[in-house]
Amino acid sequence: MKKRCFWVTEDPLYIDYHDNEWGVPVYDDETLFEFLILETFQAGLSWITILKKRENFRAAFDGFDYKKIAKYDEAKFNELLLNQGIIRNKLKIKSAISNANAFMGVQKEFGSFSTYIWAFCDGKPIKNNFKTREEVPATTPLSDKISKDLKKRGFKFVGSTIVYAFMQATGMVNDHTTDCFRYNEV
């Protein structure tokens, strides 16, 4: 049996996410935006809750098309508030819209969001060597720095904990524990 990170449950959705997505470096803006939105909605909730609603989010938010999301009007906002398939939090829904606009602002300034975000770690993943759950941090000085910069650029729901989870999900850091079979694969 494969040894996985401590947080993976027996849920097939969680196993698939861990084995195929988590910690794999992501450089395309569309996927980075999807993870940014999902992580902001995850604030205060478990990641499995978000994974189980991921397809509903994808449908509700036009496939995470940030250009469309940036143009959402009050009618679309109210439609999202009524959508039982997603997390119906007014502030998080508003942040998705404002974050889409901020995302495009970063693209305009840097050429792509990927160029901007990956510059914080010189374009390559940071490989950590954590052996136990207790060693894996919730935040780091780097996630603090990125969080502060994102907020300065108008992003919402991007505290250091959310940013670090985003970094883990998109492979900016490899936080698979050293005993996990994925540790050396990503």
N, C-alpha and C. Protein backbone atom coordinates (compact mmCIF):
# COMPACT_ATOMS: atom_id res chain seq x y z
N MET A 1 0.84 -1.18 0.00
CA MET A 1 0.00 0.00 0.00
C MET A 1 0.88 1.25 0.00
N LYS A 2 0.48 2.25 -0.78
CA LYS A 2 1.25 3.48 -0.89
C LYS A 2 1.14 4.29 0.39
N LYS A 3 2.26 4.84 0.82
CA LYS A 3 2.29 5.73 1.98
C LYS A 3 2.02 7.15 1.49
N ARG A 4 1.01 7.79 2.10
CA ARG A 4 0.63 9.14 1.71
C ARG A 4 0.81 10.09 2.88
N CYS A 5 0.67 11.37 2.58
CA CYS A 5 0.75 12.40 3.61
C CYS A 5 -0.31 12.18 4.67
N PHE A 6 -0.04 12.63 5.86
CA PHE A 6 -0.89 12.41 7.03
C PHE A 6 -2.31 12.91 6.87
N TRP A 7 -2.55 13.93 6.06
CA TRP A 7 -3.87 14.56 5.96
C TRP A 7 -4.82 13.84 5.02
N VAL A 8 -4.33 12.88 4.26
CA VAL A 8 -5.17 12.19 3.28
C VAL A 8 -6.04 11.15 3.98
N THR A 9 -7.34 11.25 3.75
CA THR A 9 -8.28 10.29 4.31
C THR A 9 -8.49 9.15 3.30
N GLU A 10 -9.43 8.28 3.59
CA GLU A 10 -9.76 7.18 2.67
C GLU A 10 -10.69 7.62 1.55
N ASP A 11 -11.13 8.87 1.59
CA ASP A 11 -12.04 9.38 0.56
C ASP A 11 -11.34 9.34 -0.80
N PRO A 12 -11.93 8.68 -1.79
CA PRO A 12 -11.30 8.58 -3.11
C PRO A 12 -11.00 9.94 -3.75
N LEU A 13 -11.85 10.92 -3.48
CA LEU A 13 -11.63 12.27 -4.01
C LEU A 13 -10.35 12.88 -3.43
N TYR A 14 -10.17 12.69 -2.14
CA TYR A 14 -8.97 13.19 -1.46
C TYR A 14 -7.72 12.47 -1.96
N ILE A 15 -7.82 11.16 -2.09
CA ILE A 15 -6.68 10.36 -2.56
C ILE A 15 -6.29 10.80 -3.97
N ASP A 16 -7.27 10.96 -4.84
CA ASP A 16 -7.00 11.38 -6.22
C ASP A 16 -6.35 12.77 -6.25
N TYR A 17 -6.88 13.69 -5.45
CA TYR A 17 -6.33 15.03 -5.38
C TYR A 17 -4.87 14.99 -4.90
N HIS A 18 -4.63 14.26 -3.83
CA HIS A 18 -3.26 14.15 -3.30
C HIS A 18 -2.32 13.52 -4.32
N ASP A 19 -2.75 12.44 -4.92
CA ASP A 19 -1.87 11.65 -5.79
C ASP A 19 -1.60 12.33 -7.14
N ASN A 20 -2.52 13.19 -7.59
CA ASN A 20 -2.41 13.72 -8.95
C ASN A 20 -2.28 15.23 -9.07
N GLU A 21 -2.67 15.98 -8.02
CA GLU A 21 -2.65 17.44 -8.15
C GLU A 21 -1.81 18.15 -7.10
N TRP A 22 -2.02 17.79 -5.85
CA TRP A 22 -1.42 18.56 -4.76
C TRP A 22 0.10 18.56 -4.84
N GLY A 23 0.66 19.74 -4.88
CA GLY A 23 2.12 19.87 -4.91
C GLY A 23 2.74 19.81 -6.28
N VAL A 24 1.94 19.59 -7.32
CA VAL A 24 2.46 19.58 -8.67
C VAL A 24 2.58 21.03 -9.15
N PRO A 25 3.75 21.47 -9.58
CA PRO A 25 3.92 22.86 -10.00
C PRO A 25 2.95 23.27 -11.12
N VAL A 26 2.27 24.38 -10.88
CA VAL A 26 1.29 24.92 -11.82
C VAL A 26 1.81 26.27 -12.32
N TYR A 27 1.91 26.40 -13.64
CA TYR A 27 2.42 27.64 -14.22
C TYR A 27 1.42 28.34 -15.13
N ASP A 28 0.26 27.73 -15.37
CA ASP A 28 -0.70 28.40 -16.25
C ASP A 28 -1.69 29.23 -15.43
N ASP A 29 -1.99 30.40 -15.93
CA ASP A 29 -2.81 31.35 -15.20
C ASP A 29 -4.22 30.83 -14.89
N GLU A 30 -4.81 30.09 -15.80
CA GLU A 30 -6.17 29.61 -15.58
C GLU A 30 -6.24 28.70 -14.35
N THR A 31 -5.31 27.77 -14.25
CA THR A 31 -5.31 26.85 -13.11
C THR A 31 -4.91 27.58 -11.83
N LEU A 32 -3.98 28.50 -11.93
CA LEU A 32 -3.60 29.29 -10.75
C LEU A 32 -4.80 30.08 -10.22
N PHE A 33 -5.59 30.64 -11.13
CA PHE A 33 -6.78 31.39 -10.70
C PHE A 33 -7.79 30.46 -10.04
N GLU A 34 -8.00 29.29 -10.62
CA GLU A 34 -8.92 28.32 -10.02
C GLU A 34 -8.52 28.00 -8.58
N PHE A 35 -7.24 27.70 -8.38
CA PHE A 35 -6.78 27.39 -7.03
C PHE A 35 -6.90 28.59 -6.10
N LEU A 36 -6.63 29.78 -6.61
CA LEU A 36 -6.77 30.97 -5.79
C LEU A 36 -8.21 31.13 -5.30
N ILE A 37 -9.16 30.96 -6.21
CA ILE A 37 -10.57 31.08 -5.83
C ILE A 37 -10.97 29.97 -4.86
N LEU A 38 -10.61 28.75 -5.16
CA LEU A 38 -10.98 27.63 -4.27
C LEU A 38 -10.37 27.81 -2.89
N GLU A 39 -9.13 28.24 -2.82
CA GLU A 39 -8.48 28.45 -1.52
C GLU A 39 -9.16 29.57 -0.74
N THR A 40 -9.58 30.63 -1.42
CA THR A 40 -10.26 31.72 -0.69
C THR A 40 -11.61 31.25 -0.15
N PHE A 41 -12.29 30.41 -0.88
CA PHE A 41 -13.57 29.88 -0.39
C PHE A 41 -13.34 28.88 0.75
N GLN A 42 -12.18 28.27 0.79
CA GLN A 42 -11.87 27.27 1.81
C GLN A 42 -11.65 27.90 3.18
N ALA A 43 -11.35 29.18 3.24
CA ALA A 43 -11.05 29.85 4.51
C ALA A 43 -12.09 29.47 5.58
N GLY A 44 -11.61 28.86 6.65
CA GLY A 44 -12.47 28.46 7.75
C GLY A 44 -13.17 27.12 7.57
N LEU A 45 -12.93 26.47 6.45
CA LEU A 45 -13.57 25.19 6.15
C LEU A 45 -12.50 24.14 5.86
N SER A 46 -12.92 22.90 5.74
CA SER A 46 -11.97 21.84 5.40
C SER A 46 -11.82 21.77 3.88
N TRP A 47 -10.66 21.34 3.44
CA TRP A 47 -10.41 21.26 2.00
C TRP A 47 -11.30 20.22 1.34
N ILE A 48 -11.63 19.16 2.04
CA ILE A 48 -12.50 18.14 1.44
C ILE A 48 -13.88 18.73 1.11
N THR A 49 -14.34 19.68 1.91
CA THR A 49 -15.61 20.36 1.62
C THR A 49 -15.52 21.05 0.26
N ILE A 50 -14.41 21.71 0.02
CA ILE A 50 -14.22 22.41 -1.26
C ILE A 50 -14.08 21.41 -2.40
N LEU A 51 -13.30 20.36 -2.19
CA LEU A 51 -13.14 19.36 -3.25
C LEU A 51 -14.49 18.76 -3.67
N LYS A 52 -15.33 18.50 -2.69
CA LYS A 52 -16.64 17.91 -3.01
C LYS A 52 -17.54 18.87 -3.77
N LYS A 53 -17.28 20.16 -3.66
CA LYS A 53 -18.08 21.17 -4.35
C LYS A 53 -17.36 21.76 -5.57
N ARG A 54 -16.19 21.24 -5.86
CA ARG A 54 -15.35 21.82 -6.92
C ARG A 54 -16.06 21.91 -8.27
N GLU A 55 -16.71 20.85 -8.68
CA GLU A 55 -17.42 20.87 -9.97
C GLU A 55 -18.58 21.86 -9.94
N ASN A 56 -19.24 21.99 -8.79
CA ASN A 56 -20.31 22.99 -8.66
C ASN A 56 -19.73 24.40 -8.79
N PHE A 57 -18.58 24.63 -8.16
CA PHE A 57 -17.90 25.93 -8.29
C PHE A 57 -17.54 26.18 -9.75
N ARG A 58 -17.00 25.16 -10.40
CA ARG A 58 -16.59 25.30 -11.80
C ARG A 58 -17.77 25.70 -12.67
N ALA A 59 -18.92 25.08 -12.45
CA ALA A 59 -20.11 25.42 -13.23
C ALA A 59 -20.64 26.81 -12.86
N ALA A 60 -20.70 27.10 -11.58
CA ALA A 60 -21.25 28.39 -11.12
C ALA A 60 -20.39 29.57 -11.53
N PHE A 61 -19.07 29.38 -11.57
CA PHE A 61 -18.14 30.46 -11.88
C PHE A 61 -17.57 30.34 -13.30
N ASP A 62 -18.40 29.90 -14.24
CA ASP A 62 -18.02 29.89 -15.66
C ASP A 62 -16.65 29.28 -15.90
N GLY A 63 -16.40 28.11 -15.31
CA GLY A 63 -15.14 27.42 -15.52
C GLY A 63 -13.94 28.19 -14.99
N PHE A 64 -14.20 29.04 -14.00
CA PHE A 64 -13.15 29.89 -13.39
C PHE A 64 -12.54 30.85 -14.42
N ASP A 65 -13.35 31.28 -15.37
CA ASP A 65 -12.90 32.26 -16.37
C ASP A 65 -12.86 33.63 -15.71
N TYR A 66 -11.67 34.07 -15.35
CA TYR A 66 -11.53 35.33 -14.60
C TYR A 66 -12.01 36.54 -15.39
N LYS A 67 -11.93 36.49 -16.71
CA LYS A 67 -12.42 37.61 -17.52
C LYS A 67 -13.94 37.76 -17.39
N LYS A 68 -14.64 36.64 -17.35
CA LYS A 68 -16.10 36.68 -17.16
C LYS A 68 -16.44 37.05 -15.72
N ILE A 69 -15.73 36.46 -14.77
CA ILE A 69 -16.02 36.70 -13.35
C ILE A 69 -15.83 38.18 -13.01
N ALA A 70 -14.83 38.81 -13.59
CA ALA A 70 -14.56 40.23 -13.33
C ALA A 70 -15.74 41.11 -13.73
N LYS A 71 -16.57 40.62 -14.65
CA LYS A 71 -17.71 41.40 -15.15
C LYS A 71 -19.04 41.03 -14.50
N TYR A 72 -19.00 40.15 -13.50
CA TYR A 72 -20.26 39.75 -12.86
C TYR A 72 -20.97 40.98 -12.30
N ASP A 73 -22.27 41.00 -12.56
CA ASP A 73 -23.10 42.09 -12.06
C ASP A 73 -23.89 41.65 -10.83
N GLU A 74 -24.77 42.51 -10.36
CA GLU A 74 -25.54 42.20 -9.16
C GLU A 74 -26.46 40.99 -9.36
N ALA A 75 -27.00 40.85 -10.56
CA ALA A 75 -27.88 39.70 -10.84
C ALA A 75 -27.10 38.39 -10.73
N LYS A 76 -25.89 38.36 -11.27
CA LYS A 76 -25.06 37.15 -11.18
C LYS A 76 -24.64 36.90 -9.73
N PHE A 77 -24.30 37.96 -9.02
CA PHE A 77 -23.94 37.86 -7.60
C PHE A 77 -25.10 37.23 -6.83
N ASN A 78 -26.31 37.71 -7.05
CA ASN A 78 -27.49 37.17 -6.36
C ASN A 78 -27.77 35.73 -6.76
N GLU A 79 -27.52 35.39 -8.00
CA GLU A 79 -27.66 34.00 -8.47
C GLU A 79 -26.70 33.09 -7.71
N LEU A 80 -25.48 33.55 -7.54
CA LEU A 80 -24.48 32.76 -6.82
C LEU A 80 -24.86 32.59 -5.35
N LEU A 81 -25.44 33.63 -4.77
CA LEU A 81 -25.88 33.54 -3.37
C LEU A 81 -26.94 32.47 -3.17
N LEU A 82 -27.71 32.19 -4.21
CA LEU A 82 -28.78 31.19 -4.12
C LEU A 82 -28.33 29.79 -4.51
N ASN A 83 -27.11 29.67 -5.02
CA ASN A 83 -26.60 28.40 -5.52
C ASN A 83 -26.18 27.51 -4.34
N GLN A 84 -26.96 26.47 -4.08
CA GLN A 84 -26.69 25.58 -2.96
C GLN A 84 -25.49 24.66 -3.19
N GLY A 85 -24.98 24.63 -4.40
CA GLY A 85 -23.85 23.76 -4.71
C GLY A 85 -22.50 24.34 -4.34
N ILE A 86 -22.49 25.63 -3.98
CA ILE A 86 -21.22 26.28 -3.61
C ILE A 86 -21.31 26.79 -2.17
N ILE A 87 -20.24 27.42 -1.71
CA ILE A 87 -20.25 28.07 -0.40
C ILE A 87 -20.90 29.44 -0.61
N ARG A 88 -22.04 29.66 0.02
CA ARG A 88 -22.81 30.89 -0.22
C ARG A 88 -22.48 31.95 0.83
N ASN A 89 -21.29 32.46 0.74
CA ASN A 89 -20.82 33.49 1.66
C ASN A 89 -20.68 34.78 0.86
N LYS A 90 -21.42 35.81 1.24
CA LYS A 90 -21.44 37.07 0.49
C LYS A 90 -20.04 37.64 0.28
N LEU A 91 -19.25 37.67 1.35
CA LEU A 91 -17.93 38.28 1.25
C LEU A 91 -17.00 37.47 0.35
N LYS A 92 -17.11 36.15 0.41
CA LYS A 92 -16.26 35.31 -0.43
C LYS A 92 -16.66 35.41 -1.90
N ILE A 93 -17.95 35.50 -2.16
CA ILE A 93 -18.41 35.67 -3.55
C ILE A 93 -17.95 37.03 -4.08
N LYS A 94 -18.10 38.07 -3.28
CA LYS A 94 -17.61 39.39 -3.69
C LYS A 94 -16.11 39.37 -3.93
N SER A 95 -15.40 38.64 -3.07
CA SER A 95 -13.95 38.59 -3.23
C SER A 95 -13.56 37.87 -4.52
N ALA A 96 -14.33 36.87 -4.93
CA ALA A 96 -14.02 36.17 -6.19
C ALA A 96 -14.08 37.16 -7.35
N ILE A 97 -15.07 38.04 -7.32
CA ILE A 97 -15.22 39.04 -8.38
C ILE A 97 -14.08 40.07 -8.32
N SER A 98 -13.82 40.60 -7.14
CA SER A 98 -12.75 41.59 -7.03
C SER A 98 -11.38 40.95 -7.27
N ASN A 99 -11.21 39.70 -6.86
CA ASN A 99 -9.93 39.02 -7.11
C ASN A 99 -9.70 38.78 -8.60
N ALA A 100 -10.77 38.56 -9.34
CA ALA A 100 -10.63 38.40 -10.80
C ALA A 100 -10.09 39.69 -11.41
N ASN A 101 -10.60 40.81 -10.94
CA ASN A 101 -10.10 42.10 -11.43
C ASN A 101 -8.66 42.34 -11.01
N ALA A 102 -8.33 42.03 -9.77
CA ALA A 102 -6.95 42.19 -9.28
C ALA A 102 -6.01 41.26 -10.05
N PHE A 103 -6.48 40.06 -10.34
CA PHE A 103 -5.70 39.07 -11.08
C PHE A 103 -5.32 39.63 -12.45
N MET A 104 -6.29 40.23 -13.12
CA MET A 104 -6.01 40.81 -14.45
C MET A 104 -5.09 42.03 -14.33
N GLY A 105 -5.18 42.74 -13.23
CA GLY A 105 -4.25 43.84 -13.00
C GLY A 105 -2.81 43.35 -12.89
N VAL A 106 -2.63 42.24 -12.20
CA VAL A 106 -1.30 41.64 -12.08
C VAL A 106 -0.83 41.16 -13.45
N GLN A 107 -1.72 40.55 -14.22
CA GLN A 107 -1.35 40.10 -15.56
C GLN A 107 -0.87 41.27 -16.43
N LYS A 108 -1.59 42.37 -16.33
CA LYS A 108 -1.24 43.55 -17.12
C LYS A 108 0.15 44.07 -16.72
N GLU A 109 0.44 44.05 -15.44
CA GLU A 109 1.71 44.57 -14.95
C GLU A 109 2.89 43.64 -15.22
N PHE A 110 2.67 42.32 -15.07
CA PHE A 110 3.78 41.36 -15.14
C PHE A 110 3.76 40.47 -16.39
N GLY A 111 2.73 40.58 -17.20
CA GLY A 111 2.60 39.73 -18.38
C GLY A 111 1.78 38.49 -18.12
N SER A 112 1.89 37.96 -16.91
CA SER A 112 1.06 36.83 -16.47
C SER A 112 1.07 36.78 -14.95
N PHE A 113 0.04 36.18 -14.40
CA PHE A 113 0.02 35.99 -12.95
C PHE A 113 1.10 35.00 -12.56
N SER A 114 1.33 34.02 -13.40
CA SER A 114 2.35 33.00 -13.14
C SER A 114 3.74 33.65 -12.97
N THR A 115 4.07 34.56 -13.86
CA THR A 115 5.37 35.26 -13.76
C THR A 115 5.47 35.97 -12.42
N TYR A 116 4.40 36.65 -12.04
CA TYR A 116 4.37 37.38 -10.78
C TYR A 116 4.54 36.45 -9.57
N ILE A 117 3.69 35.42 -9.48
CA ILE A 117 3.64 34.59 -8.26
C ILE A 117 4.90 33.72 -8.14
N TRP A 118 5.37 33.17 -9.25
CA TRP A 118 6.54 32.30 -9.20
C TRP A 118 7.84 33.07 -8.95
N ALA A 119 7.84 34.37 -9.19
CA ALA A 119 9.03 35.18 -8.92
C ALA A 119 9.37 35.18 -7.43
N PHE A 120 8.35 34.94 -6.59
CA PHE A 120 8.59 34.92 -5.15
C PHE A 120 9.49 33.75 -4.73
N CYS A 121 9.56 32.71 -5.57
CA CYS A 121 10.45 31.58 -5.25
C CYS A 121 11.37 31.27 -6.44
N ASP A 122 11.75 32.32 -7.13
CA ASP A 122 12.70 32.22 -8.25
C ASP A 122 12.28 31.22 -9.33
N GLY A 123 10.98 31.07 -9.53
CA GLY A 123 10.47 30.26 -10.62
C GLY A 123 10.51 28.76 -10.43
N LYS A 124 10.96 28.31 -9.26
CA LYS A 124 11.02 26.85 -9.05
C LYS A 124 10.52 26.49 -7.65
N PRO A 125 10.00 25.28 -7.51
CA PRO A 125 9.45 24.87 -6.21
C PRO A 125 10.50 24.84 -5.09
N ILE A 126 10.03 25.15 -3.91
CA ILE A 126 10.85 25.02 -2.70
C ILE A 126 10.57 23.62 -2.16
N LYS A 127 11.61 22.81 -2.06
CA LYS A 127 11.42 21.43 -1.58
C LYS A 127 11.75 21.36 -0.10
N ASN A 128 10.71 21.16 0.70
CA ASN A 128 10.89 21.03 2.14
C ASN A 128 11.17 19.57 2.50
N ASN A 129 11.59 19.35 3.73
CA ASN A 129 11.94 18.00 4.19
C ASN A 129 11.22 17.68 5.49
N PHE A 130 9.91 17.80 5.47
CA PHE A 130 9.14 17.57 6.68
C PHE A 130 8.85 16.08 6.84
N LYS A 131 9.07 15.61 8.06
CA LYS A 131 8.83 14.20 8.36
C LYS A 131 7.50 13.97 9.08
N THR A 132 7.07 14.96 9.86
CA THR A 132 5.86 14.79 10.67
C THR A 132 4.87 15.93 10.45
N ARG A 133 3.65 15.67 10.84
CA ARG A 133 2.58 16.66 10.78
C ARG A 133 2.97 17.94 11.51
N GLU A 134 3.61 17.80 12.65
CA GLU A 134 3.97 18.93 13.48
C GLU A 134 4.98 19.87 12.81
N GLU A 135 5.76 19.33 11.90
CA GLU A 135 6.78 20.14 11.22
C GLU A 135 6.20 21.02 10.12
N VAL A 136 5.07 20.62 9.55
CA VAL A 136 4.49 21.35 8.42
C VAL A 136 3.85 22.64 8.94
N PRO A 137 4.33 23.79 8.47
CA PRO A 137 3.80 25.05 8.98
C PRO A 137 2.47 25.43 8.33
N ALA A 138 1.74 26.31 8.99
CA ALA A 138 0.52 26.88 8.41
C ALA A 138 0.85 28.14 7.62
N THR A 139 1.94 28.79 8.01
CA THR A 139 2.42 30.00 7.33
C THR A 139 3.94 29.99 7.38
N THR A 140 4.52 30.81 6.53
CA THR A 140 5.97 31.00 6.53
C THR A 140 6.25 32.49 6.29
N PRO A 141 7.46 32.93 6.51
CA PRO A 141 7.77 34.32 6.17
C PRO A 141 7.48 34.63 4.70
N LEU A 142 7.67 33.66 3.80
CA LEU A 142 7.38 33.88 2.39
C LEU A 142 5.88 34.03 2.16
N SER A 143 5.06 33.19 2.79
CA SER A 143 3.61 33.35 2.61
C SER A 143 3.13 34.66 3.22
N ASP A 144 3.78 35.11 4.28
CA ASP A 144 3.47 36.43 4.86
C ASP A 144 3.75 37.53 3.83
N LYS A 145 4.90 37.42 3.18
CA LYS A 145 5.31 38.43 2.18
C LYS A 145 4.35 38.45 0.99
N ILE A 146 4.01 37.26 0.48
CA ILE A 146 3.10 37.18 -0.67
C ILE A 146 1.72 37.70 -0.28
N SER A 147 1.24 37.31 0.88
CA SER A 147 -0.06 37.77 1.36
C SER A 147 -0.11 39.30 1.40
N LYS A 148 0.90 39.88 1.97
CA LYS A 148 0.96 41.34 2.08
C LYS A 148 0.95 41.98 0.70
N ASP A 149 1.71 41.41 -0.24
CA ASP A 149 1.77 41.98 -1.58
C ASP A 149 0.44 41.82 -2.32
N LEU A 150 -0.19 40.66 -2.18
CA LEU A 150 -1.50 40.45 -2.82
C LEU A 150 -2.53 41.44 -2.28
N LYS A 151 -2.55 41.62 -0.98
CA LYS A 151 -3.49 42.57 -0.38
C LYS A 151 -3.25 43.98 -0.89
N LYS A 152 -1.98 44.35 -1.02
CA LYS A 152 -1.62 45.67 -1.55
C LYS A 152 -2.16 45.85 -2.97
N ARG A 153 -2.27 44.74 -3.70
CA ARG A 153 -2.76 44.78 -5.08
C ARG A 153 -4.28 44.63 -5.17
N GLY A 154 -4.96 44.59 -4.02
CA GLY A 154 -6.42 44.56 -4.01
C GLY A 154 -7.07 43.21 -3.83
N PHE A 155 -6.28 42.16 -3.61
CA PHE A 155 -6.85 40.83 -3.41
C PHE A 155 -7.47 40.73 -2.02
N LYS A 156 -8.52 39.93 -1.91
CA LYS A 156 -9.23 39.70 -0.65
C LYS A 156 -9.14 38.23 -0.26
N PHE A 157 -9.30 37.94 1.03
CA PHE A 157 -9.24 36.56 1.56
C PHE A 157 -7.92 35.88 1.20
N VAL A 158 -6.85 36.62 1.33
CA VAL A 158 -5.53 36.09 0.99
C VAL A 158 -4.57 36.28 2.17
N GLY A 159 -5.05 35.87 3.34
CA GLY A 159 -4.17 35.89 4.51
C GLY A 159 -3.05 34.88 4.32
N SER A 160 -2.08 34.93 5.18
CA SER A 160 -0.89 34.10 5.03
C SER A 160 -1.21 32.60 5.03
N THR A 161 -2.17 32.16 5.82
CA THR A 161 -2.54 30.73 5.85
C THR A 161 -3.13 30.30 4.52
N ILE A 162 -4.02 31.10 3.96
CA ILE A 162 -4.61 30.81 2.65
C ILE A 162 -3.52 30.80 1.58
N VAL A 163 -2.63 31.78 1.63
CA VAL A 163 -1.55 31.86 0.66
C VAL A 163 -0.64 30.63 0.76
N TYR A 164 -0.34 30.19 1.98
CA TYR A 164 0.53 29.02 2.10
C TYR A 164 -0.17 27.77 1.55
N ALA A 165 -1.46 27.63 1.81
CA ALA A 165 -2.21 26.50 1.24
C ALA A 165 -2.20 26.57 -0.28
N PHE A 166 -2.32 27.77 -0.83
CA PHE A 166 -2.24 27.97 -2.28
C PHE A 166 -0.86 27.54 -2.79
N MET A 167 0.18 27.93 -2.07
CA MET A 167 1.55 27.57 -2.45
C MET A 167 1.73 26.05 -2.45
N GLN A 168 1.16 25.38 -1.46
CA GLN A 168 1.25 23.93 -1.38
C GLN A 168 0.48 23.28 -2.54
N ALA A 169 -0.73 23.76 -2.78
CA ALA A 169 -1.58 23.18 -3.82
C ALA A 169 -0.97 23.32 -5.20
N THR A 170 -0.36 24.48 -5.47
CA THR A 170 0.17 24.76 -6.81
C THR A 170 1.64 24.41 -6.97
N GLY A 171 2.21 23.73 -5.99
CA GLY A 171 3.57 23.24 -6.11
C GLY A 171 4.65 24.27 -5.93
N MET A 172 4.31 25.45 -5.45
CA MET A 172 5.37 26.42 -5.15
C MET A 172 6.25 25.90 -4.03
N VAL A 173 5.65 25.10 -3.15
CA VAL A 173 6.40 24.38 -2.13
C VAL A 173 6.03 22.91 -2.22
N ASN A 174 6.98 22.05 -2.01
CA ASN A 174 6.72 20.61 -1.94
C ASN A 174 6.65 20.26 -0.45
N ASP A 175 5.43 20.15 0.05
CA ASP A 175 5.23 19.80 1.45
C ASP A 175 4.74 18.37 1.65
N HIS A 176 4.91 17.54 0.63
CA HIS A 176 4.68 16.11 0.86
C HIS A 176 5.70 15.70 1.92
N THR A 177 5.27 14.94 2.90
CA THR A 177 6.22 14.48 3.91
C THR A 177 7.21 13.52 3.26
N THR A 178 8.37 13.41 3.85
CA THR A 178 9.44 12.63 3.23
C THR A 178 9.11 11.15 3.09
N ASP A 179 8.14 10.65 3.88
CA ASP A 179 7.75 9.25 3.77
C ASP A 179 6.62 9.02 2.76
N CYS A 180 6.12 10.09 2.16
CA CYS A 180 5.04 9.99 1.17
C CYS A 180 5.61 9.59 -0.18
N PHE A 181 4.90 8.73 -0.89
CA PHE A 181 5.40 8.26 -2.19
C PHE A 181 5.50 9.39 -3.22
N ARG A 182 4.77 10.48 -3.02
CA ARG A 182 4.81 11.61 -3.95
C ARG A 182 5.97 12.56 -3.70
N TYR A 183 6.61 12.45 -2.56
CA TYR A 183 7.66 13.40 -2.16
C TYR A 183 8.72 13.59 -3.25
N ASN A 184 9.23 12.50 -3.78
CA ASN A 184 10.26 12.60 -4.81
C ASN A 184 9.70 12.67 -6.23
N GLU A 185 8.40 12.52 -6.37
CA GLU A 185 7.79 12.55 -7.71
C GLU A 185 7.44 13.96 -8.17
N VAL A 186 7.23 14.88 -7.22
CA VAL A 186 6.83 16.24 -7.63
C VAL A 186 7.98 17.22 -7.53
